[in-house]
Amino acid sequence: AIAVRGMTLAHHGYERPGDGWQTAS
């Protein structure tokens, strides 16, 4: 659940499938 800014979502991190590491965006 992420805040909406305009038509898209606010900046947030992401855990990549398959390796578990967080990315910055």
mmCIF file of all heavy atoms, coordinates in Angstrom:
data_MODEL
# 
_entry.id   MODEL 
# 
loop_
_atom_site.group_PDB 
_atom_site.id 
_atom_site.type_symbol 
_atom_site.label_atom_id 
_atom_site.label_alt_id 
_atom_site.label_comp_id 
_atom_site.label_asym_id 
_atom_site.label_entity_id 
_atom_site.label_seq_id 
_atom_site.pdbx_PDB_ins_code 
_atom_site.Cartn_x 
_atom_site.Cartn_y 
_atom_site.Cartn_z 
_atom_site.occupancy 
_atom_site.B_iso_or_equiv 
_atom_site.pdbx_formal_charge 
_atom_site.auth_seq_id 
_atom_site.auth_comp_id 
_atom_site.auth_asym_id 
_atom_site.auth_atom_id 
_atom_site.pdbx_PDB_model_num 
ATOM 1   N N   . ALA A 1 1  ? 0.860  -1.188  0.000   1.00 0.00 ? 1  ALA A N   1 
ATOM 2   C CA  . ALA A 1 1  ? 0.000  0.000   0.000   1.00 0.00 ? 1  ALA A CA  1 
ATOM 3   C C   . ALA A 1 1  ? 0.895  1.237   0.000   1.00 0.00 ? 1  ALA A C   1 
ATOM 4   O O   . ALA A 1 1  ? 1.646  1.475   0.941   1.00 0.00 ? 1  ALA A O   1 
ATOM 5   C CB  . ALA A 1 1  ? -0.892 -0.006  1.229   1.00 0.00 ? 1  ALA A CB  1 
ATOM 6   N N   . ILE A 1 2  ? 0.813  2.023   -1.077  1.00 0.00 ? 2  ILE A N   1 
ATOM 7   C CA  . ILE A 1 2  ? 1.705  3.169   -1.280  1.00 0.00 ? 2  ILE A CA  1 
ATOM 8   C C   . ILE A 1 2  ? 0.868  4.417   -1.573  1.00 0.00 ? 2  ILE A C   1 
ATOM 9   O O   . ILE A 1 2  ? -0.173 4.341   -2.244  1.00 0.00 ? 2  ILE A O   1 
ATOM 10  C CB  . ILE A 1 2  ? 2.677  2.921   -2.456  1.00 0.00 ? 2  ILE A CB  1 
ATOM 11  C CG1 . ILE A 1 2  ? 3.477  1.628   -2.228  1.00 0.00 ? 2  ILE A CG1 1 
ATOM 12  C CG2 . ILE A 1 2  ? 3.611  4.106   -2.661  1.00 0.00 ? 2  ILE A CG2 1 
ATOM 13  C CD1 . ILE A 1 2  ? 4.404  1.654   -1.026  1.00 0.00 ? 2  ILE A CD1 1 
ATOM 14  N N   . ALA A 1 3  ? 1.347  5.540   -1.113  1.00 0.00 ? 3  ALA A N   1 
ATOM 15  C CA  . ALA A 1 3  ? 0.638  6.797   -1.370  1.00 0.00 ? 3  ALA A CA  1 
ATOM 16  C C   . ALA A 1 3  ? 0.651  7.128   -2.857  1.00 0.00 ? 3  ALA A C   1 
ATOM 17  O O   . ALA A 1 3  ? 1.633  6.894   -3.562  1.00 0.00 ? 3  ALA A O   1 
ATOM 18  C CB  . ALA A 1 3  ? 1.296  7.929   -0.582  1.00 0.00 ? 3  ALA A CB  1 
ATOM 19  N N   . VAL A 1 4  ? -0.465 7.675   -3.329  1.00 0.00 ? 4  VAL A N   1 
ATOM 20  C CA  . VAL A 1 4  ? -0.595 8.071   -4.733  1.00 0.00 ? 4  VAL A CA  1 
ATOM 21  C C   . VAL A 1 4  ? -0.205 9.537   -4.884  1.00 0.00 ? 4  VAL A C   1 
ATOM 22  O O   . VAL A 1 4  ? -0.627 10.391  -4.098  1.00 0.00 ? 4  VAL A O   1 
ATOM 23  C CB  . VAL A 1 4  ? -2.038 7.861   -5.237  1.00 0.00 ? 4  VAL A CB  1 
ATOM 24  C CG1 . VAL A 1 4  ? -2.196 8.376   -6.661  1.00 0.00 ? 4  VAL A CG1 1 
ATOM 25  C CG2 . VAL A 1 4  ? -2.408 6.386   -5.149  1.00 0.00 ? 4  VAL A CG2 1 
ATOM 26  N N   . ARG A 1 5  ? 0.627  9.778   -5.906  1.00 0.00 ? 5  ARG A N   1 
ATOM 27  C CA  . ARG A 1 5  ? 0.994  11.153  -6.236  1.00 0.00 ? 5  ARG A CA  1 
ATOM 28  C C   . ARG A 1 5  ? 0.643  11.377  -7.697  1.00 0.00 ? 5  ARG A C   1 
ATOM 29  O O   . ARG A 1 5  ? 1.283  10.825  -8.589  1.00 0.00 ? 5  ARG A O   1 
ATOM 30  C CB  . ARG A 1 5  ? 2.486  11.398  -6.005  1.00 0.00 ? 5  ARG A CB  1 
ATOM 31  C CG  . ARG A 1 5  ? 2.870  11.386  -4.540  1.00 0.00 ? 5  ARG A CG  1 
ATOM 32  C CD  . ARG A 1 5  ? 4.336  11.688  -4.346  1.00 0.00 ? 5  ARG A CD  1 
ATOM 33  N NE  . ARG A 1 5  ? 4.691  11.713  -2.928  1.00 0.00 ? 5  ARG A NE  1 
ATOM 34  C CZ  . ARG A 1 5  ? 5.934  11.857  -2.475  1.00 0.00 ? 5  ARG A CZ  1 
ATOM 35  N NH1 . ARG A 1 5  ? 6.935  11.977  -3.343  1.00 0.00 ? 5  ARG A NH1 1 
ATOM 36  N NH2 . ARG A 1 5  ? 6.173  11.875  -1.177  1.00 0.00 ? 5  ARG A NH2 1 
ATOM 37  N N   . GLY A 1 6  ? -0.368 12.166  -7.931  1.00 0.00 ? 6  GLY A N   1 
ATOM 38  C CA  . GLY A 1 6  ? -0.824 12.367  -9.309  1.00 0.00 ? 6  GLY A CA  1 
ATOM 39  C C   . GLY A 1 6  ? -1.494 11.108  -9.806  1.00 0.00 ? 6  GLY A C   1 
ATOM 40  O O   . GLY A 1 6  ? -2.412 10.569  -9.188  1.00 0.00 ? 6  GLY A O   1 
ATOM 41  N N   . MET A 1 7  ? -0.989 10.571  -10.933 1.00 0.00 ? 7  MET A N   1 
ATOM 42  C CA  . MET A 1 7  ? -1.572 9.367   -11.517 1.00 0.00 ? 7  MET A CA  1 
ATOM 43  C C   . MET A 1 7  ? -0.799 8.108   -11.136 1.00 0.00 ? 7  MET A C   1 
ATOM 44  O O   . MET A 1 7  ? -1.231 7.001   -11.409 1.00 0.00 ? 7  MET A O   1 
ATOM 45  C CB  . MET A 1 7  ? -1.605 9.505   -13.048 1.00 0.00 ? 7  MET A CB  1 
ATOM 46  C CG  . MET A 1 7  ? -2.516 10.608  -13.544 1.00 0.00 ? 7  MET A CG  1 
ATOM 47  S SD  . MET A 1 7  ? -4.257 10.278  -13.147 1.00 0.00 ? 7  MET A SD  1 
ATOM 48  C CE  . MET A 1 7  ? -4.570 8.876   -14.209 1.00 0.00 ? 7  MET A CE  1 
ATOM 49  N N   . THR A 1 8  ? 0.404  8.288   -10.524 1.00 0.00 ? 8  THR A N   1 
ATOM 50  C CA  . THR A 1 8  ? 1.228  7.129   -10.180 1.00 0.00 ? 8  THR A CA  1 
ATOM 51  C C   . THR A 1 8  ? 1.517  7.114   -8.668  1.00 0.00 ? 8  THR A C   1 
ATOM 52  O O   . THR A 1 8  ? 0.947  7.889   -7.916  1.00 0.00 ? 8  THR A O   1 
ATOM 53  C CB  . THR A 1 8  ? 2.553  7.154   -10.974 1.00 0.00 ? 8  THR A CB  1 
ATOM 54  O OG1 . THR A 1 8  ? 3.227  8.391   -10.724 1.00 0.00 ? 8  THR A OG1 1 
ATOM 55  C CG2 . THR A 1 8  ? 2.282  7.025   -12.472 1.00 0.00 ? 8  THR A CG2 1 
ATOM 56  N N   . LEU A 1 9  ? 2.418  6.222   -8.271  1.00 0.00 ? 9  LEU A N   1 
ATOM 57  C CA  . LEU A 1 9  ? 2.687  6.003   -6.855  1.00 0.00 ? 9  LEU A CA  1 
ATOM 58  C C   . LEU A 1 9  ? 3.947  6.721   -6.383  1.00 0.00 ? 9  LEU A C   1 
ATOM 59  O O   . LEU A 1 9  ? 4.854  6.988   -7.176  1.00 0.00 ? 9  LEU A O   1 
ATOM 60  C CB  . LEU A 1 9  ? 2.843  4.496   -6.599  1.00 0.00 ? 9  LEU A CB  1 
ATOM 61  C CG  . LEU A 1 9  ? 1.591  3.672   -6.929  1.00 0.00 ? 9  LEU A CG  1 
ATOM 62  C CD1 . LEU A 1 9  ? 1.958  2.210   -7.101  1.00 0.00 ? 9  LEU A CD1 1 
ATOM 63  C CD2 . LEU A 1 9  ? 0.555  3.822   -5.836  1.00 0.00 ? 9  LEU A CD2 1 
ATOM 64  N N   . ALA A 1 10 ? 3.980  7.000   -5.093  1.00 0.00 ? 10 ALA A N   1 
ATOM 65  C CA  . ALA A 1 10 ? 5.153  7.646   -4.509  1.00 0.00 ? 10 ALA A CA  1 
ATOM 66  C C   . ALA A 1 10 ? 6.348  6.704   -4.568  1.00 0.00 ? 10 ALA A C   1 
ATOM 67  O O   . ALA A 1 10 ? 6.212  5.474   -4.617  1.00 0.00 ? 10 ALA A O   1 
ATOM 68  C CB  . ALA A 1 10 ? 4.859  8.031   -3.058  1.00 0.00 ? 10 ALA A CB  1 
ATOM 69  N N   . HIS A 1 11 ? 7.543  7.294   -4.558  1.00 0.00 ? 11 HIS A N   1 
ATOM 70  C CA  . HIS A 1 11 ? 8.785  6.526   -4.620  1.00 0.00 ? 11 HIS A CA  1 
ATOM 71  C C   . HIS A 1 11 ? 8.881  5.569   -3.425  1.00 0.00 ? 11 HIS A C   1 
ATOM 72  O O   . HIS A 1 11 ? 8.627  5.947   -2.293  1.00 0.00 ? 11 HIS A O   1 
ATOM 73  C CB  . HIS A 1 11 ? 9.968  7.502   -4.592  1.00 0.00 ? 11 HIS A CB  1 
ATOM 74  C CG  . HIS A 1 11 ? 11.285 6.831   -4.802  1.00 0.00 ? 11 HIS A CG  1 
ATOM 75  N ND1 . HIS A 1 11 ? 11.853 6.659   -6.036  1.00 0.00 ? 11 HIS A ND1 1 
ATOM 76  C CD2 . HIS A 1 11 ? 12.147 6.278   -3.909  1.00 0.00 ? 11 HIS A CD2 1 
ATOM 77  C CE1 . HIS A 1 11 ? 13.008 6.043   -5.903  1.00 0.00 ? 11 HIS A CE1 1 
ATOM 78  N NE2 . HIS A 1 11 ? 13.208 5.807   -4.626  1.00 0.00 ? 11 HIS A NE2 1 
ATOM 79  N N   . HIS A 1 12 ? 9.268  4.311   -3.693  1.00 0.00 ? 12 HIS A N   1 
ATOM 80  C CA  . HIS A 1 12 ? 9.458  3.341   -2.625  1.00 0.00 ? 12 HIS A CA  1 
ATOM 81  C C   . HIS A 1 12 ? 10.382 2.235   -3.103  1.00 0.00 ? 12 HIS A C   1 
ATOM 82  O O   . HIS A 1 12 ? 10.624 2.071   -4.290  1.00 0.00 ? 12 HIS A O   1 
ATOM 83  C CB  . HIS A 1 12 ? 8.111  2.747   -2.181  1.00 0.00 ? 12 HIS A CB  1 
ATOM 84  C CG  . HIS A 1 12 ? 7.357  2.066   -3.278  1.00 0.00 ? 12 HIS A CG  1 
ATOM 85  N ND1 . HIS A 1 12 ? 6.657  2.757   -4.257  1.00 0.00 ? 12 HIS A ND1 1 
ATOM 86  C CD2 . HIS A 1 12 ? 7.174  0.755   -3.550  1.00 0.00 ? 12 HIS A CD2 1 
ATOM 87  C CE1 . HIS A 1 12 ? 6.086  1.906   -5.086  1.00 0.00 ? 12 HIS A CE1 1 
ATOM 88  N NE2 . HIS A 1 12 ? 6.385  0.679   -4.681  1.00 0.00 ? 12 HIS A NE2 1 
ATOM 89  N N   . GLY A 1 13 ? 10.948 1.465   -2.149  1.00 0.00 ? 13 GLY A N   1 
ATOM 90  C CA  . GLY A 1 13 ? 11.885 0.401   -2.487  1.00 0.00 ? 13 GLY A CA  1 
ATOM 91  C C   . GLY A 1 13 ? 11.178 -0.850  -2.960  1.00 0.00 ? 13 GLY A C   1 
ATOM 92  O O   . GLY A 1 13 ? 9.957  -0.961  -2.923  1.00 0.00 ? 13 GLY A O   1 
ATOM 93  N N   . TYR A 1 14 ? 11.978 -1.825  -3.392  1.00 0.00 ? 14 TYR A N   1 
ATOM 94  C CA  . TYR A 1 14 ? 11.419 -3.048  -3.966  1.00 0.00 ? 14 TYR A CA  1 
ATOM 95  C C   . TYR A 1 14 ? 12.353 -4.216  -3.679  1.00 0.00 ? 14 TYR A C   1 
ATOM 96  O O   . TYR A 1 14 ? 13.572 -4.085  -3.784  1.00 0.00 ? 14 TYR A O   1 
ATOM 97  C CB  . TYR A 1 14 ? 11.277 -2.882  -5.482  1.00 0.00 ? 14 TYR A CB  1 
ATOM 98  C CG  . TYR A 1 14 ? 10.769 -4.118  -6.204  1.00 0.00 ? 14 TYR A CG  1 
ATOM 99  C CD1 . TYR A 1 14 ? 9.465  -4.552  -6.024  1.00 0.00 ? 14 TYR A CD1 1 
ATOM 100 C CD2 . TYR A 1 14 ? 11.596 -4.834  -7.057  1.00 0.00 ? 14 TYR A CD2 1 
ATOM 101 C CE1 . TYR A 1 14 ? 8.994  -5.672  -6.682  1.00 0.00 ? 14 TYR A CE1 1 
ATOM 102 C CE2 . TYR A 1 14 ? 11.132 -5.963  -7.727  1.00 0.00 ? 14 TYR A CE2 1 
ATOM 103 C CZ  . TYR A 1 14 ? 9.828  -6.369  -7.542  1.00 0.00 ? 14 TYR A CZ  1 
ATOM 104 O OH  . TYR A 1 14 ? 9.363  -7.481  -8.187  1.00 0.00 ? 14 TYR A OH  1 
ATOM 105 N N   . GLU A 1 15 ? 11.783 -5.361  -3.283  1.00 0.00 ? 15 GLU A N   1 
ATOM 106 C CA  . GLU A 1 15 ? 12.577 -6.559  -3.070  1.00 0.00 ? 15 GLU A CA  1 
ATOM 107 C C   . GLU A 1 15 ? 12.529 -7.404  -4.324  1.00 0.00 ? 15 GLU A C   1 
ATOM 108 O O   . GLU A 1 15 ? 11.483 -7.900  -4.724  1.00 0.00 ? 15 GLU A O   1 
ATOM 109 C CB  . GLU A 1 15 ? 12.047 -7.356  -1.877  1.00 0.00 ? 15 GLU A CB  1 
ATOM 110 C CG  . GLU A 1 15 ? 12.959 -8.495  -1.479  1.00 0.00 ? 15 GLU A CG  1 
ATOM 111 C CD  . GLU A 1 15 ? 12.558 -9.104  -0.158  1.00 0.00 ? 15 GLU A CD  1 
ATOM 112 O OE1 . GLU A 1 15 ? 12.808 -8.489  0.890   1.00 0.00 ? 15 GLU A OE1 1 
ATOM 113 O OE2 . GLU A 1 15 ? 11.986 -10.206 -0.187  1.00 0.00 ? 15 GLU A OE2 1 
ATOM 114 N N   . ARG A 1 16 ? 13.690 -7.571  -4.959  1.00 0.00 ? 16 ARG A N   1 
ATOM 115 C CA  . ARG A 1 16 ? 13.737 -8.244  -6.248  1.00 0.00 ? 16 ARG A CA  1 
ATOM 116 C C   . ARG A 1 16 ? 13.395 -9.723  -6.126  1.00 0.00 ? 16 ARG A C   1 
ATOM 117 O O   . ARG A 1 16 ? 13.920 -10.397 -5.246  1.00 0.00 ? 16 ARG A O   1 
ATOM 118 C CB  . ARG A 1 16 ? 15.136 -8.099  -6.865  1.00 0.00 ? 16 ARG A CB  1 
ATOM 119 C CG  . ARG A 1 16 ? 15.542 -6.686  -7.164  1.00 0.00 ? 16 ARG A CG  1 
ATOM 120 C CD  . ARG A 1 16 ? 16.738 -6.647  -8.095  1.00 0.00 ? 16 ARG A CD  1 
ATOM 121 N NE  . ARG A 1 16 ? 17.892 -7.284  -7.516  1.00 0.00 ? 16 ARG A NE  1 
ATOM 122 C CZ  . ARG A 1 16 ? 18.865 -6.632  -6.887  1.00 0.00 ? 16 ARG A CZ  1 
ATOM 123 N NH1 . ARG A 1 16 ? 18.780 -5.328  -6.712  1.00 0.00 ? 16 ARG A NH1 1 
ATOM 124 N NH2 . ARG A 1 16 ? 19.906 -7.267  -6.400  1.00 0.00 ? 16 ARG A NH2 1 
ATOM 125 N N   . PRO A 1 17 ? 12.565 -10.255 -7.026  1.00 0.00 ? 17 PRO A N   1 
ATOM 126 C CA  . PRO A 1 17 ? 12.255 -11.689 -6.989  1.00 0.00 ? 17 PRO A CA  1 
ATOM 127 C C   . PRO A 1 17 ? 13.522 -12.501 -7.218  1.00 0.00 ? 17 PRO A C   1 
ATOM 128 O O   . PRO A 1 17 ? 14.330 -12.178 -8.070  1.00 0.00 ? 17 PRO A O   1 
ATOM 129 C CB  . PRO A 1 17 ? 11.274 -11.878 -8.154  1.00 0.00 ? 17 PRO A CB  1 
ATOM 130 C CG  . PRO A 1 17 ? 10.723 -10.520 -8.411  1.00 0.00 ? 17 PRO A CG  1 
ATOM 131 C CD  . PRO A 1 17 ? 11.822 -9.556  -8.076  1.00 0.00 ? 17 PRO A CD  1 
ATOM 132 N N   . GLY A 1 18 ? 13.695 -13.562 -6.435  1.00 0.00 ? 18 GLY A N   1 
ATOM 133 C CA  . GLY A 1 18 ? 14.782 -14.484 -6.696  1.00 0.00 ? 18 GLY A CA  1 
ATOM 134 C C   . GLY A 1 18 ? 16.034 -14.238 -5.904  1.00 0.00 ? 18 GLY A C   1 
ATOM 135 O O   . GLY A 1 18 ? 16.890 -15.099 -5.822  1.00 0.00 ? 18 GLY A O   1 
ATOM 136 N N   . ASP A 1 19 ? 16.229 -13.050 -5.309  1.00 0.00 ? 19 ASP A N   1 
ATOM 137 C CA  . ASP A 1 19 ? 17.447 -12.864 -4.538  1.00 0.00 ? 19 ASP A CA  1 
ATOM 138 C C   . ASP A 1 19 ? 17.223 -12.162 -3.211  1.00 0.00 ? 19 ASP A C   1 
ATOM 139 O O   . ASP A 1 19 ? 18.073 -12.168 -2.347  1.00 0.00 ? 19 ASP A O   1 
ATOM 140 C CB  . ASP A 1 19 ? 18.517 -12.107 -5.335  1.00 0.00 ? 19 ASP A CB  1 
ATOM 141 C CG  . ASP A 1 19 ? 18.055 -10.768 -5.858  1.00 0.00 ? 19 ASP A CG  1 
ATOM 142 O OD1 . ASP A 1 19 ? 17.135 -10.185 -5.255  1.00 0.00 ? 19 ASP A OD1 1 
ATOM 143 O OD2 . ASP A 1 19 ? 18.619 -10.292 -6.843  1.00 0.00 ? 19 ASP A OD2 1 
ATOM 144 N N   . GLY A 1 20 ? 16.052 -11.542 -3.029  1.00 0.00 ? 20 GLY A N   1 
ATOM 145 C CA  . GLY A 1 20 ? 15.710 -11.020 -1.724  1.00 0.00 ? 20 GLY A CA  1 
ATOM 146 C C   . GLY A 1 20 ? 16.301 -9.674  -1.354  1.00 0.00 ? 20 GLY A C   1 
ATOM 147 O O   . GLY A 1 20 ? 16.011 -9.161  -0.287  1.00 0.00 ? 20 GLY A O   1 
ATOM 148 N N   . TRP A 1 21 ? 17.129 -9.082  -2.235  1.00 0.00 ? 21 TRP A N   1 
ATOM 149 C CA  . TRP A 1 21 ? 17.752 -7.812  -1.891  1.00 0.00 ? 21 TRP A CA  1 
ATOM 150 C C   . TRP A 1 21 ? 16.857 -6.637  -2.242  1.00 0.00 ? 21 TRP A C   1 
ATOM 151 O O   . TRP A 1 21 ? 16.177 -6.631  -3.253  1.00 0.00 ? 21 TRP A O   1 
ATOM 152 C CB  . TRP A 1 21 ? 19.094 -7.652  -2.603  1.00 0.00 ? 21 TRP A CB  1 
ATOM 153 C CG  . TRP A 1 21 ? 20.143 -8.545  -2.059  1.00 0.00 ? 21 TRP A CG  1 
ATOM 154 C CD1 . TRP A 1 21 ? 20.704 -9.627  -2.675  1.00 0.00 ? 21 TRP A CD1 1 
ATOM 155 C CD2 . TRP A 1 21 ? 20.767 -8.468  -0.781  1.00 0.00 ? 21 TRP A CD2 1 
ATOM 156 N NE1 . TRP A 1 21 ? 21.619 -10.225 -1.862  1.00 0.00 ? 21 TRP A NE1 1 
ATOM 157 C CE2 . TRP A 1 21 ? 21.690 -9.531  -0.692  1.00 0.00 ? 21 TRP A CE2 1 
ATOM 158 C CE3 . TRP A 1 21 ? 20.630 -7.603  0.307   1.00 0.00 ? 21 TRP A CE3 1 
ATOM 159 C CZ2 . TRP A 1 21 ? 22.468 -9.749  0.431   1.00 0.00 ? 21 TRP A CZ2 1 
ATOM 160 C CZ3 . TRP A 1 21 ? 21.410 -7.822  1.425   1.00 0.00 ? 21 TRP A CZ3 1 
ATOM 161 C CH2 . TRP A 1 21 ? 22.322 -8.880  1.472   1.00 0.00 ? 21 TRP A CH2 1 
ATOM 162 N N   . GLN A 1 22 ? 16.898 -5.640  -1.390  1.00 0.00 ? 22 GLN A N   1 
ATOM 163 C CA  . GLN A 1 22 ? 16.116 -4.428  -1.623  1.00 0.00 ? 22 GLN A CA  1 
ATOM 164 C C   . GLN A 1 22 ? 16.815 -3.527  -2.639  1.00 0.00 ? 22 GLN A C   1 
ATOM 165 O O   . GLN A 1 22 ? 18.014 -3.338  -2.593  1.00 0.00 ? 22 GLN A O   1 
ATOM 166 C CB  . GLN A 1 22 ? 15.956 -3.651  -0.312  1.00 0.00 ? 22 GLN A CB  1 
ATOM 167 C CG  . GLN A 1 22 ? 14.942 -4.239  0.644   1.00 0.00 ? 22 GLN A CG  1 
ATOM 168 C CD  . GLN A 1 22 ? 13.526 -3.946  0.234   1.00 0.00 ? 22 GLN A CD  1 
ATOM 169 O OE1 . GLN A 1 22 ? 12.682 -4.813  0.283   1.00 0.00 ? 22 GLN A OE1 1 
ATOM 170 N NE2 . GLN A 1 22 ? 13.246 -2.746  -0.170  1.00 0.00 ? 22 GLN A NE2 1 
ATOM 171 N N   . THR A 1 23 ? 16.055 -2.966  -3.550  1.00 0.00 ? 23 THR A N   1 
ATOM 172 C CA  . THR A 1 23 ? 16.579 -1.950  -4.452  1.00 0.00 ? 23 THR A CA  1 
ATOM 173 C C   . THR A 1 23 ? 16.065 -0.603  -3.973  1.00 0.00 ? 23 THR A C   1 
ATOM 174 O O   . THR A 1 23 ? 15.128 -0.518  -3.192  1.00 0.00 ? 23 THR A O   1 
ATOM 175 C CB  . THR A 1 23 ? 16.106 -2.177  -5.902  1.00 0.00 ? 23 THR A CB  1 
ATOM 176 O OG1 . THR A 1 23 ? 14.685 -2.006  -5.958  1.00 0.00 ? 23 THR A OG1 1 
ATOM 177 C CG2 . THR A 1 23 ? 16.450 -3.572  -6.381  1.00 0.00 ? 23 THR A CG2 1 
ATOM 178 N N   . ALA A 1 24 ? 16.697 0.451   -4.458  1.00 0.00 ? 24 ALA A N   1 
ATOM 179 C CA  . ALA A 1 24 ? 16.325 1.788   -4.007  1.00 0.00 ? 24 ALA A CA  1 
ATOM 180 C C   . ALA A 1 24 ? 14.976 2.212   -4.553  1.00 0.00 ? 24 ALA A C   1 
ATOM 181 O O   . ALA A 1 24 ? 14.299 3.046   -3.965  1.00 0.00 ? 24 ALA A O   1 
ATOM 182 C CB  . ALA A 1 24 ? 17.399 2.788   -4.423  1.00 0.00 ? 24 ALA A CB  1 
ATOM 183 N N   . SER A 1 25 ? 14.589 1.662   -5.693  1.00 0.00 ? 25 SER A N   1 
ATOM 184 C CA  . SER A 1 25 ? 13.364 2.125   -6.330  1.00 0.00 ? 25 SER A CA  1 
ATOM 185 C C   . SER A 1 25 ? 12.566 0.968   -6.908  1.00 0.00 ? 25 SER A C   1 
ATOM 186 O O   . SER A 1 25 ? 13.103 0.132   -7.628  1.00 0.00 ? 25 SER A O   1 
ATOM 187 C CB  . SER A 1 25 ? 13.710 3.120   -7.446  1.00 0.00 ? 25 SER A CB  1 
ATOM 188 O OG  . SER A 1 25 ? 12.539 3.581   -8.077  1.00 0.00 ? 25 SER A OG  1 
# 
